[in-house]
């Protein structure tokens, strides 16, 4: 068990923010997540966060996964004080961080995300893991499934994938998986590219357009200058920034600002 105090951190908001699909609430203030083949339970009491894992696992995986070395205050404090909408979004979503997730998992997850909602994406991802991942047990006997490996998912047929409720996305996942299986250096190369290069490379994969490529760049490769534009963001840009969004003010962390806008637009009229 590891206890740390963290500013600008909210498990609830990170869980609901649409960037991770294997993150769920167990009880009020307590969550679990599966990533990099590990299962973590994590609990929050105000600024104190309890990681139910070894010290080694915390430093090897979770500290970087939750981007805990980054000072998010400087991002939020840099918002233009005259931008009423964005300041409301920042206050509403305060605590969201950009997770550093596995590239392969994000490629598949955001192909699944196309024309989909968060709850349905979560169910599909879990079906993929149960059908093609490895079943594991925690020391407490909790069963969980790892995300499928490229090698194992490459053995699947399109019909196998459709049984996971993927519909038309099955053909995208099948071809992209086989392309990555045949060219394993692609993912490692992506990790060494800048934002522009990695986005261009990702868009060569079947079923990945500009928005999905930007999501992968932001939520796994941690290119914070990626700014995915989905229907929520497009609507906000049209209604709130008719003269253009001030990207230059947030150069280098546009993606952080995007995530706060997305979260605000998604939940501001909903009671949680």
C-alpha atoms as a PDB file:
ATOM      1  CA  UNK A   1       0.000   0.000   0.000  1.00  0.00           C
ATOM      2  CA  UNK A   2       1.305   3.447  -0.979  1.00  0.00           C
ATOM      3  CA  UNK A   3      -0.132   6.740   0.295  1.00  0.00           C
ATOM      4  CA  UNK A   4       0.590  10.005  -1.503  1.00  0.00           C
ATOM      5  CA  UNK A   5      -0.802  13.540  -1.398  1.00  0.00           C
ATOM      6  CA  UNK A   6      -1.598  14.988  -4.799  1.00  0.00           C
ATOM      7  CA  UNK A   7      -2.955  18.367  -5.887  1.00  0.00           C
ATOM      8  CA  UNK A   8      -5.302  18.578  -8.873  1.00  0.00           C
ATOM      9  CA  UNK A   9      -6.318  14.934  -8.820  1.00  0.00           C
ATOM     10  CA  UNK A  10      -9.792  13.399  -8.927  1.00  0.00           C
ATOM     11  CA  UNK A  11     -10.319   9.680  -9.387  1.00  0.00           C
ATOM     12  CA  UNK A  12     -13.994  10.249 -10.149  1.00  0.00           C
ATOM     13  CA  UNK A  13     -13.332  12.743 -12.938  1.00  0.00           C
ATOM     14  CA  UNK A  14     -10.465  10.766 -14.451  1.00  0.00           C
ATOM     15  CA  UNK A  15     -12.693   7.670 -14.463  1.00  0.00           C
ATOM     16  CA  UNK A  16     -15.522   9.526 -16.229  1.00  0.00           C
ATOM     17  CA  UNK A  17     -13.349  11.519 -18.626  1.00  0.00           C
ATOM     18  CA  UNK A  18     -13.533   9.123 -21.571  1.00  0.00           C
ATOM     19  CA  UNK A  19      -9.815   8.502 -21.941  1.00  0.00           C
ATOM     20  CA  UNK A  20      -9.672   5.072 -20.248  1.00  0.00           C
ATOM     21  CA  UNK A  21     -12.210   2.280 -20.667  1.00  0.00           C
ATOM     22  CA  UNK A  22     -10.996  -0.163 -17.986  1.00  0.00           C
ATOM     23  CA  UNK A  23     -11.405   2.208 -15.057  1.00  0.00           C
ATOM     24  CA  UNK A  24     -14.478   1.785 -12.845  1.00  0.00           C
ATOM     25  CA  UNK A  25     -15.904   2.780  -9.486  1.00  0.00           C
ATOM     26  CA  UNK A  26     -16.102   0.064  -6.808  1.00  0.00           C
ATOM     27  CA  UNK A  27     -17.561   2.096  -3.941  1.00  0.00           C
ATOM     28  CA  UNK A  28     -17.720   5.823  -3.215  1.00  0.00           C
ATOM     29  CA  UNK A  29     -14.168   7.140  -3.516  1.00  0.00           C
ATOM     30  CA  UNK A  30     -12.676   3.746  -4.419  1.00  0.00           C
ATOM     31  CA  UNK A  31     -11.862   2.628  -7.953  1.00  0.00           C
ATOM     32  CA  UNK A  32     -10.097  -0.101  -9.856  1.00  0.00           C
ATOM     33  CA  UNK A  33      -8.202  -0.053 -13.123  1.00  0.00           C
ATOM     34  CA  UNK A  34      -6.499  -2.682 -15.257  1.00  0.00           C
ATOM     35  CA  UNK A  35      -3.459  -1.559 -17.237  1.00  0.00           C
ATOM     36  CA  UNK A  36      -0.136  -3.000 -18.393  1.00  0.00           C
ATOM     37  CA  UNK A  37      -1.284  -6.450 -17.249  1.00  0.00           C
ATOM     38  CA  UNK A  38      -1.860  -5.283 -13.651  1.00  0.00           C
ATOM     39  CA  UNK A  39      -4.960  -4.756 -11.540  1.00  0.00           C
ATOM     40  CA  UNK A  40      -4.993  -1.768  -9.190  1.00  0.00           C
ATOM     41  CA  UNK A  41      -7.425  -0.649  -6.528  1.00  0.00           C
ATOM     42  CA  UNK A  42      -7.065   3.001  -5.617  1.00  0.00           C
ATOM     43  CA  UNK A  43      -8.881   5.180  -3.098  1.00  0.00           C
ATOM     44  CA  UNK A  44      -9.136   8.921  -2.530  1.00  0.00           C
ATOM     45  CA  UNK A  45      -9.702  10.977   0.622  1.00  0.00           C
ATOM     46  CA  UNK A  46      -9.497  14.607  -0.420  1.00  0.00           C
ATOM     47  CA  UNK A  47      -5.853  15.057  -1.502  1.00  0.00           C
ATOM     48  CA  UNK A  48      -4.671  11.747  -0.044  1.00  0.00           C
ATOM     49  CA  UNK A  49      -4.558   8.909  -2.547  1.00  0.00           C
ATOM     50  CA  UNK A  50      -4.068   5.293  -1.482  1.00  0.00           C
ATOM     51  CA  UNK A  51      -2.613   2.899  -4.051  1.00  0.00           C
ATOM     52  CA  UNK A  52      -3.196  -0.733  -3.061  1.00  0.00           C
ATOM     53  CA  UNK A  53       0.002  -2.077  -4.571  1.00  0.00           C
ATOM     54  CA  UNK A  54       3.652  -2.549  -3.693  1.00  0.00           C
ATOM     55  CA  UNK A  55       6.053   0.360  -3.561  1.00  0.00           C
ATOM     56  CA  UNK A  56       7.884  -1.087  -6.573  1.00  0.00           C
ATOM     57  CA  UNK A  57       4.720  -1.397  -8.654  1.00  0.00           C
ATOM     58  CA  UNK A  58       3.712   2.154  -7.771  1.00  0.00           C
ATOM     59  CA  UNK A  59       7.038   3.556  -9.039  1.00  0.00           C
ATOM     60  CA  UNK A  60       7.328   1.150 -11.976  1.00  0.00           C
ATOM     61  CA  UNK A  61       3.819   1.661 -13.339  1.00  0.00           C
ATOM     62  CA  UNK A  62       1.269   3.847 -11.601  1.00  0.00           C
ATOM     63  CA  UNK A  63       3.247   6.992 -10.862  1.00  0.00           C
ATOM     64  CA  UNK A  64       3.869   7.495 -14.561  1.00  0.00           C
ATOM     65  CA  UNK A  65       0.478   6.138 -15.612  1.00  0.00           C
ATOM     66  CA  UNK A  66      -1.296   8.895 -13.644  1.00  0.00           C
ATOM     67  CA  UNK A  67       1.297  11.498 -14.734  1.00  0.00           C
ATOM     68  CA  UNK A  68       2.034  12.384 -11.128  1.00  0.00           C
ATOM     69  CA  UNK A  69       5.305  14.193 -11.813  1.00  0.00           C
ATOM     70  CA  UNK A  70       3.499  16.895 -13.781  1.00  0.00           C
ATOM     71  CA  UNK A  71       2.263  20.085 -12.143  1.00  0.00           C
ATOM     72  CA  UNK A  72      -1.266  20.489 -13.507  1.00  0.00           C
ATOM     73  CA  UNK A  73      -1.747  23.707 -11.547  1.00  0.00           C
ATOM     74  CA  UNK A  74       0.442  25.529 -14.059  1.00  0.00           C
ATOM     75  CA  UNK A  75      -1.824  24.377 -16.891  1.00  0.00           C
ATOM     76  CA  UNK A  76      -5.026  25.410 -15.134  1.00  0.00           C
ATOM     77  CA  UNK A  77      -3.606  28.678 -13.823  1.00  0.00           C
ATOM     78  CA  UNK A  78      -2.579  29.618 -17.346  1.00  0.00           C
ATOM     79  CA  UNK A  79      -6.162  29.858 -18.597  1.00  0.00           C
ATOM     80  CA  UNK A  80      -7.196  33.297 -19.898  1.00  0.00           C
ATOM     81  CA  UNK A  81      -9.167  34.935 -17.077  1.00  0.00           C
ATOM     82  CA  UNK A  82     -11.467  36.635 -19.622  1.00  0.00           C
ATOM     83  CA  UNK A  83     -12.543  33.289 -21.098  1.00  0.00           C
ATOM     84  CA  UNK A  84     -15.658  32.658 -19.012  1.00  0.00           C
ATOM     85  CA  UNK A  85     -16.576  29.360 -20.648  1.00  0.00           C
ATOM     86  CA  UNK A  86     -13.130  27.832 -20.277  1.00  0.00           C
ATOM     87  CA  UNK A  87     -12.802  28.937 -16.667  1.00  0.00           C
ATOM     88  CA  UNK A  88     -16.107  27.227 -15.902  1.00  0.00           C
ATOM     89  CA  UNK A  89     -14.839  24.081 -17.620  1.00  0.00           C
ATOM     90  CA  UNK A  90     -11.604  24.161 -15.622  1.00  0.00           C
ATOM     91  CA  UNK A  91     -13.428  24.507 -12.307  1.00  0.00           C
ATOM     92  CA  UNK A  92     -15.931  21.814 -13.219  1.00  0.00           C
ATOM     93  CA  UNK A  93     -13.298  19.274 -14.284  1.00  0.00           C
ATOM     94  CA  UNK A  94     -10.523  20.145 -11.848  1.00  0.00           C
ATOM     95  CA  UNK A  95      -8.620  16.987 -11.013  1.00  0.00           C
ATOM     96  CA  UNK A  96      -8.493  15.442 -14.476  1.00  0.00           C
ATOM     97  CA  UNK A  97      -5.043  14.285 -15.583  1.00  0.00           C
ATOM     98  CA  UNK A  98      -3.958  12.871 -18.912  1.00  0.00           C
ATOM     99  CA  UNK A  99      -3.141   9.203 -18.417  1.00  0.00           C
ATOM    100  CA  UNK A 100      -0.070   7.585 -20.014  1.00  0.00           C
ATOM    101  CA  UNK A 101      -1.587   4.402 -21.388  1.00  0.00           C
ATOM    102  CA  UNK A 102      -0.378   1.504 -23.507  1.00  0.00           C
ATOM    103  CA  UNK A 103      -0.139   2.428 -27.194  1.00  0.00           C
ATOM    104  CA  UNK A 104      -1.468  -0.878 -28.540  1.00  0.00           C
ATOM    105  CA  UNK A 105      -4.426  -0.837 -26.160  1.00  0.00           C
ATOM    106  CA  UNK A 106      -5.304   2.727 -27.135  1.00  0.00           C
ATOM    107  CA  UNK A 107      -5.123   1.937 -30.853  1.00  0.00           C
ATOM    108  CA  UNK A 108      -7.764  -0.766 -30.450  1.00  0.00           C
ATOM    109  CA  UNK A 109      -9.793   1.123 -27.839  1.00  0.00           C
ATOM    110  CA  UNK A 110     -10.198   4.244 -29.947  1.00  0.00           C
ATOM    111  CA  UNK A 111     -11.036   2.296 -33.084  1.00  0.00           C
ATOM    112  CA  UNK A 112     -13.822   0.814 -30.939  1.00  0.00           C
ATOM    113  CA  UNK A 113     -14.791   4.318 -29.777  1.00  0.00           C
ATOM    114  CA  UNK A 114     -15.924   5.488 -33.221  1.00  0.00           C
ATOM    115  CA  UNK A 115     -19.633   6.353 -33.312  1.00  0.00           C
ATOM    116  CA  UNK A 116     -19.949   4.892 -29.828  1.00  0.00           C
ATOM    117  CA  UNK A 117     -20.696   5.959 -26.250  1.00  0.00           C
ATOM    118  CA  UNK A 118     -18.479   5.413 -23.215  1.00  0.00           C
ATOM    119  CA  UNK A 119     -20.585   2.701 -21.523  1.00  0.00           C
ATOM    120  CA  UNK A 120     -20.845   0.658 -24.698  1.00  0.00           C
ATOM    121  CA  UNK A 121     -17.124   1.027 -25.403  1.00  0.00           C
ATOM    122  CA  UNK A 122     -16.372  -0.251 -21.889  1.00  0.00           C
ATOM    123  CA  UNK A 123     -18.554  -3.329 -22.438  1.00  0.00           C
ATOM    124  CA  UNK A 124     -16.941  -4.100 -25.807  1.00  0.00           C
ATOM    125  CA  UNK A 125     -13.419  -3.702 -24.427  1.00  0.00           C
ATOM    126  CA  UNK A 126     -14.253  -6.005 -21.526  1.00  0.00           C
ATOM    127  CA  UNK A 127     -15.610  -8.623 -23.926  1.00  0.00           C
ATOM    128  CA  UNK A 128     -12.409  -8.413 -25.971  1.00  0.00           C
ATOM    129  CA  UNK A 129     -10.361  -8.920 -22.808  1.00  0.00           C
ATOM    130  CA  UNK A 130     -12.456 -11.828 -21.586  1.00  0.00           C
ATOM    131  CA  UNK A 131     -12.355 -13.549 -24.973  1.00  0.00           C
ATOM    132  CA  UNK A 132      -8.790 -12.829 -26.042  1.00  0.00           C
ATOM    133  CA  UNK A 133      -6.892 -11.651 -22.962  1.00  0.00           C
ATOM    134  CA  UNK A 134      -5.224 -13.660 -20.210  1.00  0.00           C
ATOM    135  CA  UNK A 135      -7.180 -14.468 -17.056  1.00  0.00           C
ATOM    136  CA  UNK A 136      -5.275 -13.509 -13.912  1.00  0.00           C
ATOM    137  CA  UNK A 137      -5.848 -13.442 -10.154  1.00  0.00           C
ATOM    138  CA  UNK A 138      -4.826 -10.873  -7.596  1.00  0.00           C
ATOM    139  CA  UNK A 139      -3.448 -11.980  -4.216  1.00  0.00           C
ATOM    140  CA  UNK A 140      -6.962 -11.387  -2.859  1.00  0.00           C
ATOM    141  CA  UNK A 141      -8.416 -13.789  -5.426  1.00  0.00           C
ATOM    142  CA  UNK A 142      -9.987 -11.154  -7.689  1.00  0.00           C
ATOM    143  CA  UNK A 143     -10.227 -12.358 -11.288  1.00  0.00           C
ATOM    144  CA  UNK A 144      -9.319  -9.934 -14.058  1.00  0.00           C
ATOM    145  CA  UNK A 145      -8.349 -10.143 -17.711  1.00  0.00           C
ATOM    146  CA  UNK A 146      -5.386  -8.519 -19.387  1.00  0.00           C
ATOM    147  CA  UNK A 147      -5.781  -6.617 -22.629  1.00  0.00           C
ATOM    148  CA  UNK A 148      -5.284  -9.019 -25.577  1.00  0.00           C
ATOM    149  CA  UNK A 149      -1.783  -9.202 -27.030  1.00  0.00           C
ATOM    150  CA  UNK A 150      -1.255  -8.390 -30.699  1.00  0.00           C
ATOM    151  CA  UNK A 151      -0.141 -11.986 -31.259  1.00  0.00           C
ATOM    152  CA  UNK A 152      -3.282 -13.493 -29.756  1.00  0.00           C
ATOM    153  CA  UNK A 153      -5.757 -11.041 -31.282  1.00  0.00           C
ATOM    154  CA  UNK A 154      -4.183 -11.673 -34.703  1.00  0.00           C
ATOM    155  CA  UNK A 155      -5.529 -15.250 -34.472  1.00  0.00           C
ATOM    156  CA  UNK A 156      -9.121 -13.995 -34.285  1.00  0.00           C
ATOM    157  CA  UNK A 157     -11.488 -14.037 -37.257  1.00  0.00           C
ATOM    158  CA  UNK A 158     -13.819 -11.203 -38.177  1.00  0.00           C
ATOM    159  CA  UNK A 159     -16.710 -13.312 -36.902  1.00  0.00           C
ATOM    160  CA  UNK A 160     -14.906 -13.851 -33.576  1.00  0.00           C
ATOM    161  CA  UNK A 161     -14.624 -10.096 -33.206  1.00  0.00           C
ATOM    162  CA  UNK A 162     -18.245  -9.498 -34.156  1.00  0.00           C
ATOM    163  CA  UNK A 163     -19.221 -11.742 -31.245  1.00  0.00           C
ATOM    164  CA  UNK A 164     -17.745  -8.974 -29.053  1.00  0.00           C
ATOM    165  CA  UNK A 165     -20.400  -6.574 -30.413  1.00  0.00           C
ATOM    166  CA  UNK A 166     -17.907  -4.762 -32.626  1.00  0.00           C
ATOM    167  CA  UNK A 167     -20.114  -4.651 -35.711  1.00  0.00           C
ATOM    168  CA  UNK A 168     -18.474  -2.898 -38.676  1.00  0.00           C
ATOM    169  CA  UNK A 169     -15.437  -2.053 -36.511  1.00  0.00           C
ATOM    170  CA  UNK A 170     -14.423  -5.726 -36.532  1.00  0.00           C
ATOM    171  CA  UNK A 171     -12.880  -5.411 -39.992  1.00  0.00           C
ATOM    172  CA  UNK A 172     -10.872  -2.353 -38.904  1.00  0.00           C
ATOM    173  CA  UNK A 173      -9.512  -4.144 -35.849  1.00  0.00           C
ATOM    174  CA  UNK A 174      -8.755  -7.312 -37.800  1.00  0.00           C
ATOM    175  CA  UNK A 175      -6.702  -5.552 -40.478  1.00  0.00           C
ATOM    176  CA  UNK A 176      -4.933  -3.157 -38.094  1.00  0.00           C
ATOM    177  CA  UNK A 177      -4.052  -6.017 -35.734  1.00  0.00           C
ATOM    178  CA  UNK A 178      -2.617  -8.095 -38.570  1.00  0.00           C
ATOM    179  CA  UNK A 179      -0.677  -5.124 -39.950  1.00  0.00           C
ATOM    180  CA  UNK A 180       0.892  -4.527 -36.533  1.00  0.00           C
ATOM    181  CA  UNK A 181       1.558  -8.238 -36.100  1.00  0.00           C
ATOM    182  CA  UNK A 182       3.379  -8.313 -39.438  1.00  0.00           C
ATOM    183  CA  UNK A 183       5.238  -5.056 -38.659  1.00  0.00           C
ATOM    184  CA  UNK A 184       5.958  -5.099 -34.894  1.00  0.00           C
ATOM    185  CA  UNK A 185       8.386  -2.178 -35.140  1.00  0.00           C
ATOM    186  CA  UNK A 186       5.530   0.269 -35.870  1.00  0.00           C
ATOM    187  CA  UNK A 187       4.502   0.677 -32.228  1.00  0.00           C
ATOM    188  CA  UNK A 188       8.070   1.121 -30.981  1.00  0.00           C
ATOM    189  CA  UNK A 189       8.727   3.640 -33.730  1.00  0.00           C
ATOM    190  CA  UNK A 190       5.618   5.595 -32.721  1.00  0.00           C
ATOM    191  CA  UNK A 191       7.074   6.060 -29.247  1.00  0.00           C
ATOM    192  CA  UNK A 192      10.079   7.867 -30.705  1.00  0.00           C
ATOM    193  CA  UNK A 193       8.173  10.199 -33.025  1.00  0.00           C
ATOM    194  CA  UNK A 194       6.950  13.726 -32.434  1.00  0.00           C
ATOM    195  CA  UNK A 195       3.250  14.567 -32.553  1.00  0.00           C
ATOM    196  CA  UNK A 196       3.056  15.340 -36.266  1.00  0.00           C
ATOM    197  CA  UNK A 197       5.012  12.235 -37.239  1.00  0.00           C
ATOM    198  CA  UNK A 198       3.091   9.865 -34.969  1.00  0.00           C
ATOM    199  CA  UNK A 199      -0.299  11.200 -36.060  1.00  0.00           C
ATOM    200  CA  UNK A 200       0.646  10.734 -39.717  1.00  0.00           C
ATOM    201  CA  UNK A 201       1.888   7.192 -39.029  1.00  0.00           C
ATOM    202  CA  UNK A 202      -1.238   6.240 -37.076  1.00  0.00           C
ATOM    203  CA  UNK A 203      -3.504   7.442 -39.887  1.00  0.00           C
ATOM    204  CA  UNK A 204      -1.892   4.869 -42.184  1.00  0.00           C
ATOM    205  CA  UNK A 205      -3.575   2.145 -40.118  1.00  0.00           C
ATOM    206  CA  UNK A 206      -6.952   0.895 -41.330  1.00  0.00           C
ATOM    207  CA  UNK A 207      -9.881   2.501 -39.553  1.00  0.00           C
ATOM    208  CA  UNK A 208      -7.903   5.360 -37.975  1.00  0.00           C
ATOM    209  CA  UNK A 209      -8.855   8.870 -38.988  1.00  0.00           C
ATOM    210  CA  UNK A 210      -7.735  12.227 -37.641  1.00  0.00           C
ATOM    211  CA  UNK A 211      -9.789  12.249 -34.430  1.00  0.00           C
ATOM    212  CA  UNK A 212      -8.871   8.690 -33.419  1.00  0.00           C
ATOM    213  CA  UNK A 213      -5.198   9.365 -34.212  1.00  0.00           C
ATOM    214  CA  UNK A 214      -5.297  12.463 -32.006  1.00  0.00           C
ATOM    215  CA  UNK A 215      -6.848  10.468 -29.140  1.00  0.00           C
ATOM    216  CA  UNK A 216      -4.083   7.862 -29.374  1.00  0.00           C
ATOM    217  CA  UNK A 217      -1.433  10.588 -29.524  1.00  0.00           C
ATOM    218  CA  UNK A 218      -2.857  12.290 -26.440  1.00  0.00           C
ATOM    219  CA  UNK A 219      -3.832   9.361 -24.211  1.00  0.00           C
ATOM    220  CA  UNK A 220      -0.919   7.004 -24.844  1.00  0.00           C
ATOM    221  CA  UNK A 221       1.971   8.770 -26.576  1.00  0.00           C
ATOM    222  CA  UNK A 222       1.341  11.750 -24.271  1.00  0.00           C
ATOM    223  CA  UNK A 223       1.592  14.374 -26.980  1.00  0.00           C
ATOM    224  CA  UNK A 224      -0.168  17.062 -24.986  1.00  0.00           C
ATOM    225  CA  UNK A 225      -0.411  19.268 -28.071  1.00  0.00           C
ATOM    226  CA  UNK A 226      -2.873  16.806 -29.663  1.00  0.00           C
ATOM    227  CA  UNK A 227      -6.411  18.235 -29.695  1.00  0.00           C
ATOM    228  CA  UNK A 228      -8.995  15.591 -30.654  1.00  0.00           C
ATOM    229  CA  UNK A 229     -12.129  17.106 -32.181  1.00  0.00           C
ATOM    230  CA  UNK A 230     -15.253  14.991 -31.755  1.00  0.00           C
ATOM    231  CA  UNK A 231     -18.889  16.090 -31.852  1.00  0.00           C
ATOM    232  CA  UNK A 232     -18.688  17.583 -28.332  1.00  0.00           C
ATOM    233  CA  UNK A 233     -15.586  19.643 -29.050  1.00  0.00           C
ATOM    234  CA  UNK A 234     -16.844  20.690 -32.478  1.00  0.00           C
ATOM    235  CA  UNK A 235     -20.076  21.954 -30.921  1.00  0.00           C
ATOM    236  CA  UNK A 236     -18.190  23.967 -28.293  1.00  0.00           C
ATOM    237  CA  UNK A 237     -15.825  25.478 -30.856  1.00  0.00           C
ATOM    238  CA  UNK A 238     -18.780  26.559 -32.984  1.00  0.00           C
ATOM    239  CA  UNK A 239     -20.833  27.989 -30.119  1.00  0.00           C
ATOM    240  CA  UNK A 240     -18.134  29.497 -27.901  1.00  0.00           C
ATOM    241  CA  UNK A 241     -15.220  30.304 -30.221  1.00  0.00           C
ATOM    242  CA  UNK A 242     -16.714  31.610 -33.448  1.00  0.00           C
ATOM    243  CA  UNK A 243     -13.542  33.619 -34.091  1.00  0.00           C
ATOM    244  CA  UNK A 244     -11.328  30.601 -33.533  1.00  0.00           C
ATOM    245  CA  UNK A 245      -9.966  28.841 -30.466  1.00  0.00           C
ATOM    246  CA  UNK A 246      -6.831  30.528 -28.985  1.00  0.00           C
ATOM    247  CA  UNK A 247      -4.498  27.550 -29.453  1.00  0.00           C
ATOM    248  CA  UNK A 248      -1.426  29.779 -29.157  1.00  0.00           C
ATOM    249  CA  UNK A 249      -2.277  30.576 -25.515  1.00  0.00           C
ATOM    250  CA  UNK A 250      -2.073  26.895 -24.596  1.00  0.00           C
ATOM    251  CA  UNK A 251       0.745  25.786 -26.861  1.00  0.00           C
ATOM    252  CA  UNK A 252       2.231  22.514 -25.657  1.00  0.00           C
ATOM    253  CA  UNK A 253      -0.755  21.498 -23.533  1.00  0.00           C
ATOM    254  CA  UNK A 254      -3.738  22.004 -25.816  1.00  0.00           C
ATOM    255  CA  UNK A 255      -4.791  18.429 -25.158  1.00  0.00           C
ATOM    256  CA  UNK A 256      -5.131  19.064 -21.426  1.00  0.00           C
ATOM    257  CA  UNK A 257      -7.464  21.981 -22.146  1.00  0.00           C
ATOM    258  CA  UNK A 258      -9.372  19.843 -24.654  1.00  0.00           C
ATOM    259  CA  UNK A 259     -10.031  17.186 -22.028  1.00  0.00           C
ATOM    260  CA  UNK A 260     -11.502  19.728 -19.617  1.00  0.00           C
ATOM    261  CA  UNK A 261     -13.755  21.119 -22.356  1.00  0.00           C
ATOM    262  CA  UNK A 262     -14.872  17.605 -23.331  1.00  0.00           C
ATOM    263  CA  UNK A 263     -15.665  16.635 -19.741  1.00  0.00           C
ATOM    264  CA  UNK A 264     -17.566  19.868 -19.083  1.00  0.00           C
ATOM    265  CA  UNK A 265     -19.651  19.603 -22.238  1.00  0.00           C
ATOM    266  CA  UNK A 266     -20.424  15.948 -21.551  1.00  0.00           C
ATOM    267  CA  UNK A 267     -21.490  16.289 -17.928  1.00  0.00           C
ATOM    268  CA  UNK A 268     -22.422  19.894 -17.122  1.00  0.00           C
ATOM    269  CA  UNK A 269     -26.151  19.221 -17.462  1.00  0.00           C
ATOM    270  CA  UNK A 270     -26.122  15.795 -15.842  1.00  0.00           C
ATOM    271  CA  UNK A 271     -26.491  14.935 -12.167  1.00  0.00           C
ATOM    272  CA  UNK A 272     -23.807  12.468 -11.094  1.00  0.00           C
END
